[in-house]
Amino acid sequence: METRRITVPGGELWTAGSGAEAAPATVMVHSGIAHGEMWSPLLRALGDEVFGVAYDCRCFGRSTTVLDGEFSDIDDLASVLDAYGLKSAVLVGESRGARLAIDFALAHPERVSGLFLLAPDVSGFDGPVADDERPLLDAVDAAEEAWDAAEAADTDRAVEELIAHEVRLFVDGPGREPVAERAAVRETVADMLRLNYTQQKDTPDFVKAEPAAGRLAELGCPVRVLVGDADTAGMRATAEEIEKTTPGASLVRVPDAAHALTLEHPETVERELRSWLREIRGTGS
């Protein structure tokens, strides 16, 4: 796997590429509880079939920013495609990354040949909150406010408390207990969040795209959605909204899975992505 640093206005993006550059291109956009490293196993697994690129969004992972004011995640994603000489690509996004992939596809439809969306968020769409989820969501919100207000001496403790709540909500899910079988996934996510939070205390604002909710019918590329049946009610409703309102979209529900689909069920994600890529290319098995 080859890593690079791409210069963007006011910062640098860490990227990684894998596979033959002549193969069909796939660009992977990470979730908000992770960074580009979450895709490394998938990049290696698909190296025989696609040219895959993953990157750390600005203010996440190993990417850096010195910019004051605003930056554009959409422009940054375009810079990643440009740096690898990609006129278009299939975008694979999880959660926040899925939201960005959708926003990018609406802004630059000619550059997106397909959307593979995992546990997707959609800008402007407000999903429901189940009663039994409210305590966990409130705990995450309260911990985030405490971290944001913490003095320097208390920052580490506040970060660890916030991470604990996020891991409980997004890795285990609101309806599952934190069993030992998911310990490695919990620790992987916690490690990525620790790196993210080292640069997220005071960050520039990002340019908000026109909300995608209500515009999903404009998506003209193939769309496949995966959502875990143990994810939040809001995430499941978002996935169903995409299936219902996007032409040609299809939905796969993953049993015994919460929000961190790629890390919790890597074999399922690889199998579904590989099968769907062959389907949209018309190459079969």
Protein backbone atom coordinates (compact mmCIF):
# COMPACT_ATOMS: atom_id res chain seq x y z
CA MET A 1 0.00 0.00 0.00
CA GLU A 2 1.40 3.39 -1.02
CA THR A 3 0.76 6.43 1.18
CA ARG A 4 0.90 10.06 0.13
CA ARG A 5 0.29 13.53 1.48
CA ILE A 6 -1.82 15.74 -0.74
CA THR A 7 -1.61 19.50 -0.37
CA VAL A 8 -4.95 21.29 -0.17
CA PRO A 9 -5.63 24.97 0.62
CA GLY A 10 -4.62 25.41 4.25
CA GLY A 11 -3.63 21.83 4.95
CA GLU A 12 -2.58 18.35 3.91
CA LEU A 13 -4.57 15.13 3.46
CA TRP A 14 -3.07 11.73 4.24
CA THR A 15 -3.99 9.17 1.57
CA ALA A 16 -3.31 5.51 0.81
CA GLY A 17 -3.69 3.65 -2.48
CA SER A 18 -3.75 -0.05 -3.26
CA GLY A 19 -4.19 -2.18 -6.38
CA ALA A 20 -3.43 -1.68 -10.05
CA GLU A 21 -4.00 1.91 -11.17
CA ALA A 22 -5.52 0.68 -14.44
CA ALA A 23 -8.30 -1.14 -12.51
CA PRO A 24 -11.71 0.47 -11.82
CA ALA A 25 -11.31 3.15 -9.15
CA THR A 26 -12.88 3.14 -5.70
CA VAL A 27 -12.42 5.98 -3.20
CA MET A 28 -13.29 5.29 0.44
CA VAL A 29 -14.50 7.95 2.89
CA HIS A 30 -14.35 7.12 6.60
CA SER A 31 -16.92 7.53 9.34
CA GLY A 32 -16.85 10.20 12.04
CA ILE A 33 -15.66 7.73 14.70
CA ALA A 34 -12.67 6.64 12.64
CA HIS A 35 -10.14 7.76 10.05
CA GLY A 36 -8.76 6.30 6.82
CA GLU A 37 -7.08 3.38 8.59
CA MET A 38 -10.51 1.75 8.98
CA TRP A 39 -10.33 0.87 5.27
CA SER A 40 -6.88 -0.75 5.24
CA PRO A 41 -8.07 -4.39 5.45
CA LEU A 42 -10.66 -3.76 2.73
CA LEU A 43 -8.14 -2.01 0.47
CA ARG A 44 -5.80 -5.00 0.74
CA ALA A 45 -8.60 -7.52 0.20
CA LEU A 46 -9.88 -5.81 -2.96
CA GLY A 47 -6.46 -5.13 -4.47
CA ASP A 48 -7.02 -7.86 -7.05
CA GLU A 49 -10.17 -6.18 -8.36
CA VAL A 50 -10.04 -2.39 -7.94
CA PHE A 51 -7.65 0.49 -7.52
CA GLY A 52 -8.65 1.66 -4.06
CA VAL A 53 -7.89 4.96 -2.36
CA ALA A 54 -8.62 5.90 1.25
CA TYR A 55 -7.84 9.16 2.99
CA ASP A 56 -8.14 11.04 6.26
CA CYS A 57 -10.61 13.88 6.00
CA ARG A 58 -9.36 17.24 7.22
CA CYS A 59 -9.27 17.38 11.05
CA PHE A 60 -9.23 13.57 11.26
CA GLY A 61 -6.39 11.07 11.63
CA ARG A 62 -3.09 12.12 10.07
CA SER A 63 -4.44 14.93 7.92
CA THR A 64 -3.64 18.46 9.04
CA THR A 65 -5.08 21.93 8.68
CA VAL A 66 -3.78 25.38 9.51
CA LEU A 67 -6.70 27.12 7.89
CA ASP A 68 -8.76 29.76 9.65
CA GLY A 69 -12.32 30.35 8.53
CA GLU A 70 -13.91 27.63 6.41
CA PHE A 71 -12.92 24.65 4.31
CA SER A 72 -14.87 22.38 1.99
CA ASP A 73 -14.96 18.60 2.46
CA ILE A 74 -16.37 18.37 -1.07
CA ASP A 75 -13.42 20.29 -2.50
CA ASP A 76 -11.02 18.12 -0.48
CA LEU A 77 -12.56 14.94 -1.90
CA ALA A 78 -12.23 16.37 -5.41
CA SER A 79 -8.56 17.05 -4.64
CA VAL A 80 -8.08 13.38 -3.72
CA LEU A 81 -9.53 12.25 -7.06
CA ASP A 82 -7.40 14.81 -8.89
CA ALA A 83 -4.22 13.74 -7.11
CA TYR A 84 -4.68 10.18 -8.35
CA GLY A 85 -5.73 11.23 -11.84
CA LEU A 86 -9.27 9.89 -11.42
CA LYS A 87 -11.94 11.46 -13.60
CA SER A 88 -14.56 9.40 -11.77
CA ALA A 89 -14.78 6.65 -9.15
CA VAL A 90 -17.13 4.54 -7.09
CA LEU A 91 -17.40 6.20 -3.67
CA VAL A 92 -17.58 3.96 -0.61
CA GLY A 93 -18.63 5.84 2.51
CA GLU A 94 -19.60 4.94 6.04
CA SER A 95 -21.79 7.16 8.24
CA ARG A 96 -20.35 10.71 7.97
CA GLY A 97 -18.38 9.45 4.97
CA ALA A 98 -21.59 8.29 3.31
CA ARG A 99 -23.09 11.74 3.83
CA LEU A 100 -20.06 13.33 2.18
CA ALA A 101 -20.16 10.82 -0.68
CA ILE A 102 -23.82 11.66 -1.36
CA ASP A 103 -23.18 15.41 -1.18
CA PHE A 104 -20.23 15.02 -3.55
CA ALA A 105 -22.30 12.94 -6.00
CA LEU A 106 -24.99 15.64 -6.07
CA ALA A 107 -22.39 18.38 -6.61
CA HIS A 108 -20.27 16.44 -9.14
CA PRO A 109 -22.42 13.68 -10.68
CA GLU A 110 -20.00 13.24 -13.60
CA ARG A 111 -17.26 12.15 -11.17
CA VAL A 112 -19.22 9.40 -9.36
CA SER A 113 -19.90 6.05 -11.03
CA GLY A 114 -21.55 4.46 -8.00
CA LEU A 115 -22.28 4.89 -4.29
CA PHE A 116 -21.74 2.09 -1.77
CA LEU A 117 -23.10 3.45 1.51
CA LEU A 118 -22.64 1.88 4.94
CA ALA A 119 -24.71 2.98 7.96
CA PRO A 120 -25.40 6.17 5.99
CA ASP A 121 -26.10 9.66 7.20
CA VAL A 122 -27.88 12.08 4.85
CA SER A 123 -27.47 15.82 5.23
CA GLY A 124 -30.75 17.45 6.17
CA PHE A 125 -32.55 14.22 7.09
CA ASP A 126 -33.73 13.84 10.69
CA GLY A 127 -34.32 10.23 11.62
CA PRO A 128 -36.37 9.10 14.63
CA VAL A 129 -34.93 8.42 18.07
CA ALA A 130 -36.23 5.39 19.96
CA ASP A 131 -37.01 5.83 23.65
CA ASP A 132 -34.42 3.26 24.71
CA GLU A 133 -31.72 5.07 22.72
CA ARG A 134 -32.24 8.48 24.30
CA PRO A 135 -30.06 7.91 27.41
CA LEU A 136 -27.05 6.87 25.32
CA LEU A 137 -27.46 9.74 22.86
CA ASP A 138 -27.85 12.22 25.74
CA ALA A 139 -24.72 10.81 27.42
CA VAL A 140 -22.71 11.32 24.20
CA ASP A 141 -24.00 14.90 23.85
CA ALA A 142 -23.21 15.71 27.49
CA ALA A 143 -19.71 14.20 27.25
CA GLU A 144 -19.03 16.17 24.07
CA GLU A 145 -20.06 19.42 25.75
CA ALA A 146 -17.85 18.60 28.76
CA TRP A 147 -14.86 17.89 26.51
CA ASP A 148 -15.43 21.09 24.53
CA ALA A 149 -15.49 23.14 27.75
CA ALA A 150 -12.67 21.28 29.55
CA GLU A 151 -9.55 23.11 30.65
CA ALA A 152 -6.21 21.74 29.43
CA ALA A 153 -5.58 19.74 32.62
CA ASP A 154 -8.89 17.93 32.27
CA THR A 155 -8.87 17.34 28.52
CA ASP A 156 -7.52 13.77 28.59
CA ARG A 157 -10.11 12.64 31.12
CA ALA A 158 -12.92 14.35 29.18
CA VAL A 159 -11.78 12.73 25.92
CA GLU A 160 -11.73 9.26 27.47
CA GLU A 161 -15.23 9.73 28.86
CA LEU A 162 -16.51 10.89 25.49
CA ILE A 163 -14.84 7.97 23.71
CA ALA A 164 -16.35 5.47 26.14
CA HIS A 165 -19.86 6.71 25.41
CA GLU A 166 -19.31 6.84 21.64
CA VAL A 167 -17.90 3.31 21.56
CA ARG A 168 -20.84 2.06 23.62
CA LEU A 169 -23.35 3.67 21.24
CA PHE A 170 -21.73 3.07 17.87
CA VAL A 171 -19.77 -0.17 18.27
CA ASP A 172 -22.05 -2.14 20.58
CA GLY A 173 -25.28 -0.41 19.62
CA PRO A 174 -28.08 0.75 21.87
CA GLY A 175 -29.73 -2.67 22.08
CA ARG A 176 -26.67 -4.91 22.65
CA GLU A 177 -24.40 -5.50 25.60
CA PRO A 178 -20.64 -4.82 25.23
CA VAL A 179 -19.59 -8.46 24.95
CA ALA A 180 -15.99 -9.66 24.87
CA GLU A 181 -16.22 -10.69 21.19
CA ARG A 182 -16.29 -7.01 20.18
CA ALA A 183 -13.43 -5.92 22.46
CA ALA A 184 -10.94 -5.61 19.59
CA VAL A 185 -13.33 -3.46 17.55
CA ARG A 186 -14.03 -1.24 20.56
CA GLU A 187 -10.30 -0.69 21.12
CA THR A 188 -9.63 -0.03 17.42
CA VAL A 189 -12.33 2.65 17.32
CA ALA A 190 -11.12 4.14 20.63
CA ASP A 191 -7.57 4.43 19.27
CA MET A 192 -8.77 6.18 16.12
CA LEU A 193 -10.95 8.56 18.13
CA ARG A 194 -8.00 9.47 20.38
CA LEU A 195 -6.00 10.52 17.33
CA ASN A 196 -8.95 12.43 15.89
CA TYR A 197 -9.55 14.35 19.10
CA THR A 198 -5.95 15.59 19.25
CA GLN A 199 -6.86 18.04 16.47
CA GLN A 200 -10.59 18.59 16.91
CA LYS A 201 -10.69 20.91 19.90
CA ASP A 202 -10.54 24.11 17.85
CA THR A 203 -11.13 23.52 14.16
CA PRO A 204 -12.19 25.71 11.26
CA ASP A 205 -15.77 25.52 10.09
CA PHE A 206 -16.60 23.49 7.00
CA VAL A 207 -18.73 24.73 4.15
CA LYS A 208 -22.16 23.13 4.43
CA ALA A 209 -23.52 21.68 1.22
CA GLU A 210 -27.13 22.10 0.16
CA PRO A 211 -28.98 19.41 2.15
CA ALA A 212 -29.31 16.13 0.29
CA ALA A 213 -32.62 15.24 1.93
CA GLY A 214 -35.29 15.83 -0.69
CA ARG A 215 -32.72 15.61 -3.51
CA LEU A 216 -31.89 11.91 -3.41
CA ALA A 217 -33.98 11.34 -6.55
CA GLU A 218 -31.35 13.37 -8.44
CA LEU A 219 -28.74 10.65 -7.90
CA GLY A 220 -28.29 8.96 -11.26
CA CYS A 221 -25.62 6.40 -10.37
CA PRO A 222 -26.09 2.89 -8.93
CA VAL A 223 -26.52 2.92 -5.15
CA ARG A 224 -26.17 0.07 -2.66
CA VAL A 225 -26.89 0.63 1.05
CA LEU A 226 -25.91 -1.57 4.00
CA VAL A 227 -27.26 -1.01 7.51
CA GLY A 228 -26.97 -3.07 10.68
CA ASP A 229 -30.09 -4.32 12.36
CA ALA A 230 -28.62 -3.27 15.74
CA ASP A 231 -27.85 0.30 14.61
CA THR A 232 -29.92 3.20 15.88
CA ALA A 233 -33.49 3.74 14.70
CA GLY A 234 -32.35 6.93 12.99
CA MET A 235 -29.67 5.16 10.95
CA ARG A 236 -32.05 2.40 9.91
CA ALA A 237 -34.65 4.98 8.88
CA THR A 238 -32.03 6.89 6.88
CA ALA A 239 -31.05 3.74 4.99
CA GLU A 240 -34.69 3.04 4.22
CA GLU A 241 -35.20 6.63 3.03
CA ILE A 242 -32.35 6.25 0.55
CA GLU A 243 -33.78 2.97 -0.74
CA LYS A 244 -37.26 4.49 -1.08
CA THR A 245 -36.38 7.76 -2.78
CA THR A 246 -33.26 7.03 -4.85
CA PRO A 247 -33.76 5.49 -8.30
CA GLY A 248 -32.12 2.09 -8.57
CA ALA A 249 -31.02 1.97 -4.93
CA SER A 250 -31.00 -1.33 -3.06
CA LEU A 251 -30.74 -2.05 0.66
CA VAL A 252 -29.05 -4.89 2.53
CA ARG A 253 -29.77 -5.35 6.24
CA VAL A 254 -26.86 -6.91 8.11
CA PRO A 255 -27.82 -9.14 11.06
CA ASP A 256 -26.17 -8.64 14.47
CA ALA A 257 -24.41 -5.44 13.38
CA ALA A 258 -24.42 -1.93 14.79
CA HIS A 259 -22.88 1.21 13.31
CA ALA A 260 -19.24 0.24 12.74
CA LEU A 261 -20.06 -2.18 9.93
CA THR A 262 -16.69 -2.25 8.19
CA LEU A 263 -14.79 -3.06 11.38
CA GLU A 264 -17.34 -5.39 12.96
CA HIS A 265 -18.23 -7.39 9.82
CA PRO A 266 -15.35 -6.97 7.35
CA GLU A 267 -16.09 -10.20 5.49
CA THR A 268 -19.70 -9.17 4.89
CA VAL A 269 -18.71 -5.72 3.65
CA GLU A 270 -16.05 -7.16 1.34
CA ARG A 271 -18.43 -9.78 -0.07
CA GLU A 272 -21.25 -7.30 -0.65
CA LEU A 273 -18.99 -4.66 -2.18
CA ARG A 274 -17.21 -7.12 -4.47
CA SER A 275 -20.51 -8.62 -5.63
CA TRP A 276 -22.10 -5.21 -6.22
CA LEU A 277 -19.08 -3.88 -8.14
CA ARG A 278 -19.25 -6.88 -10.47
CA GLU A 279 -23.01 -6.39 -10.81
CA ILE A 280 -22.76 -2.75 -11.87
CA ARG A 281 -19.90 -3.56 -14.24
CA GLY A 282 -21.85 -6.49 -15.68
CA THR A 283 -18.97 -8.89 -15.14
CA GLY A 284 -20.78 -11.48 -13.03
CA SER A 285 -19.07 -13.64 -10.45
